Amino acid sequence: MIEYVHKHIVGELQQNTRTDIIFIITAILLNLVALGINSGVSFDAKEDTSLFIVMFIVVALIIVVNLIVVIGLLKGKQTRGKLIGGLLKTGEFICATSRARKILDKGQGIY
């Protein structure tokens, strides 16, 4: 049973890592899209104030998206810390159990 819990925690750690990678890649792609939009709009924004407003809105949205990504990454870090702590506890339990089995095997000849 403990080994199943151990495997489950390792699986959760891998899923958490994949989620963080998706967060990072999405943020990078959105930043590149915003860079492209603002580069295309910036040339005509000198004369047209509506384009300046569009640029400002795109920058504001990218800032919001980046804040959400940072919050998600921090939550992922907290989750990984908890999972690693649980993994260490199950590892300690497994080691203690195996030591107890060895002691019982030596002392009584049976498990």
Protein backbone atom coordinates (compact mmCIF):
# COMPACT_ATOMS: atom_id res chain seq x y z
CA MET A 1 0.00 0.00 0.00
CA ILE A 2 2.80 2.41 0.88
CA GLU A 3 4.50 1.68 -2.43
CA TYR A 4 1.26 2.60 -4.23
CA VAL A 5 1.14 5.91 -2.34
CA HIS A 6 4.80 6.47 -3.23
CA LYS A 7 4.10 5.90 -6.94
CA HIS A 8 1.04 8.15 -6.77
CA ILE A 9 3.03 11.01 -5.22
CA VAL A 10 5.75 10.63 -7.86
CA GLY A 11 3.06 10.76 -10.56
CA GLU A 12 1.62 13.93 -9.02
CA LEU A 13 5.08 15.50 -9.02
CA GLN A 14 5.49 14.72 -12.71
CA GLN A 15 2.05 16.18 -13.49
CA ASN A 16 2.90 19.30 -11.50
CA THR A 17 6.11 19.73 -13.50
CA ARG A 18 4.24 19.37 -16.80
CA THR A 19 1.70 21.97 -15.66
CA ASP A 20 4.49 24.42 -14.84
CA ILE A 21 6.06 23.86 -18.26
CA ILE A 22 2.70 24.59 -19.94
CA PHE A 23 2.37 27.80 -17.88
CA ILE A 24 5.82 28.96 -18.96
CA ILE A 25 5.41 28.11 -22.65
CA THR A 26 1.98 29.80 -22.76
CA ALA A 27 3.35 32.95 -21.16
CA ILE A 28 6.27 33.08 -23.60
CA LEU A 29 3.98 32.61 -26.61
CA LEU A 30 1.55 35.29 -25.41
CA ASN A 31 4.43 37.69 -24.84
CA LEU A 32 5.68 37.07 -28.38
CA VAL A 33 2.17 37.61 -29.81
CA ALA A 34 1.86 40.86 -27.86
CA LEU A 35 5.28 41.94 -29.12
CA GLY A 36 4.17 41.29 -32.69
CA ILE A 37 0.87 43.14 -32.26
CA ASN A 38 2.50 46.13 -30.62
CA SER A 39 5.27 46.22 -33.23
CA GLY A 40 2.71 46.26 -36.02
CA VAL A 41 0.54 48.88 -34.39
CA SER A 42 3.29 51.17 -33.09
CA PHE A 43 4.19 52.67 -36.46
CA ASP A 44 0.74 54.22 -36.95
CA ALA A 45 0.11 54.93 -33.26
CA LYS A 46 1.83 58.32 -33.51
CA GLU A 47 -1.06 59.79 -35.48
CA ASP A 48 -3.97 57.63 -34.31
CA THR A 49 -4.77 57.67 -30.59
CA SER A 50 -7.09 54.66 -30.86
CA LEU A 51 -4.10 52.51 -31.84
CA PHE A 52 -2.25 53.84 -28.80
CA ILE A 53 -5.18 52.70 -26.65
CA VAL A 54 -5.07 49.26 -28.30
CA MET A 55 -1.34 49.02 -27.53
CA PHE A 56 -1.98 50.02 -23.92
CA ILE A 57 -4.76 47.41 -23.55
CA VAL A 58 -2.56 44.66 -25.02
CA VAL A 59 0.27 45.54 -22.64
CA ALA A 60 -2.13 45.60 -19.68
CA LEU A 61 -3.53 42.18 -20.63
CA ILE A 62 -0.04 40.73 -20.95
CA ILE A 63 0.85 42.06 -17.50
CA VAL A 64 -2.27 40.41 -16.07
CA VAL A 65 -1.46 37.11 -17.83
CA ASN A 66 2.12 37.21 -16.53
CA LEU A 67 0.87 37.84 -12.98
CA ILE A 68 -1.46 34.84 -13.28
CA VAL A 69 1.44 32.72 -14.54
CA VAL A 70 3.65 33.80 -11.64
CA ILE A 71 0.89 33.01 -9.13
CA GLY A 72 0.38 29.61 -10.78
CA LEU A 73 4.09 28.85 -10.63
CA LEU A 74 4.26 29.83 -6.96
CA LYS A 75 1.28 27.57 -6.16
CA GLY A 76 2.98 24.78 -8.11
CA LYS A 77 6.12 25.30 -6.07
CA GLN A 78 4.11 25.03 -2.84
CA THR A 79 2.41 21.88 -4.08
CA ARG A 80 5.74 20.34 -5.05
CA GLY A 81 7.10 21.13 -1.60
CA LYS A 82 4.18 19.36 0.05
CA LEU A 83 4.45 16.38 -2.29
CA ILE A 84 8.19 16.06 -1.73
CA GLY A 85 7.63 16.26 2.03
CA GLY A 86 5.08 13.46 1.78
CA LEU A 87 7.43 11.48 -0.43
CA LEU A 88 10.21 11.80 2.14
CA LYS A 89 7.87 10.69 4.92
CA THR A 90 6.76 7.62 2.97
CA GLY A 91 10.41 6.87 2.20
CA GLU A 92 11.28 7.11 5.89
CA PHE A 93 8.36 4.83 6.71
CA ILE A 94 9.45 2.29 4.12
CA CYS A 95 13.03 2.35 5.46
CA ALA A 96 11.84 1.97 9.05
CA THR A 97 9.55 -0.88 8.03
CA SER A 98 12.32 -2.70 6.18
CA ARG A 99 14.66 -2.27 9.17
CA ALA A 100 11.97 -3.69 11.45
CA ARG A 101 11.52 -6.63 9.09
CA LYS A 102 15.26 -7.35 9.19
CA ILE A 103 15.29 -7.21 12.98
CA LEU A 104 12.28 -9.52 13.18
CA ASP A 105 13.83 -11.91 10.67
CA LYS A 106 17.06 -12.10 12.67
CA GLY A 107 15.39 -12.39 16.04
CA GLN A 108 12.53 -14.76 15.37
CA GLY A 109 13.48 -16.47 12.16
CA ILE A 110 10.16 -15.51 10.58
CA TYR A 111 8.51 -12.40 9.36
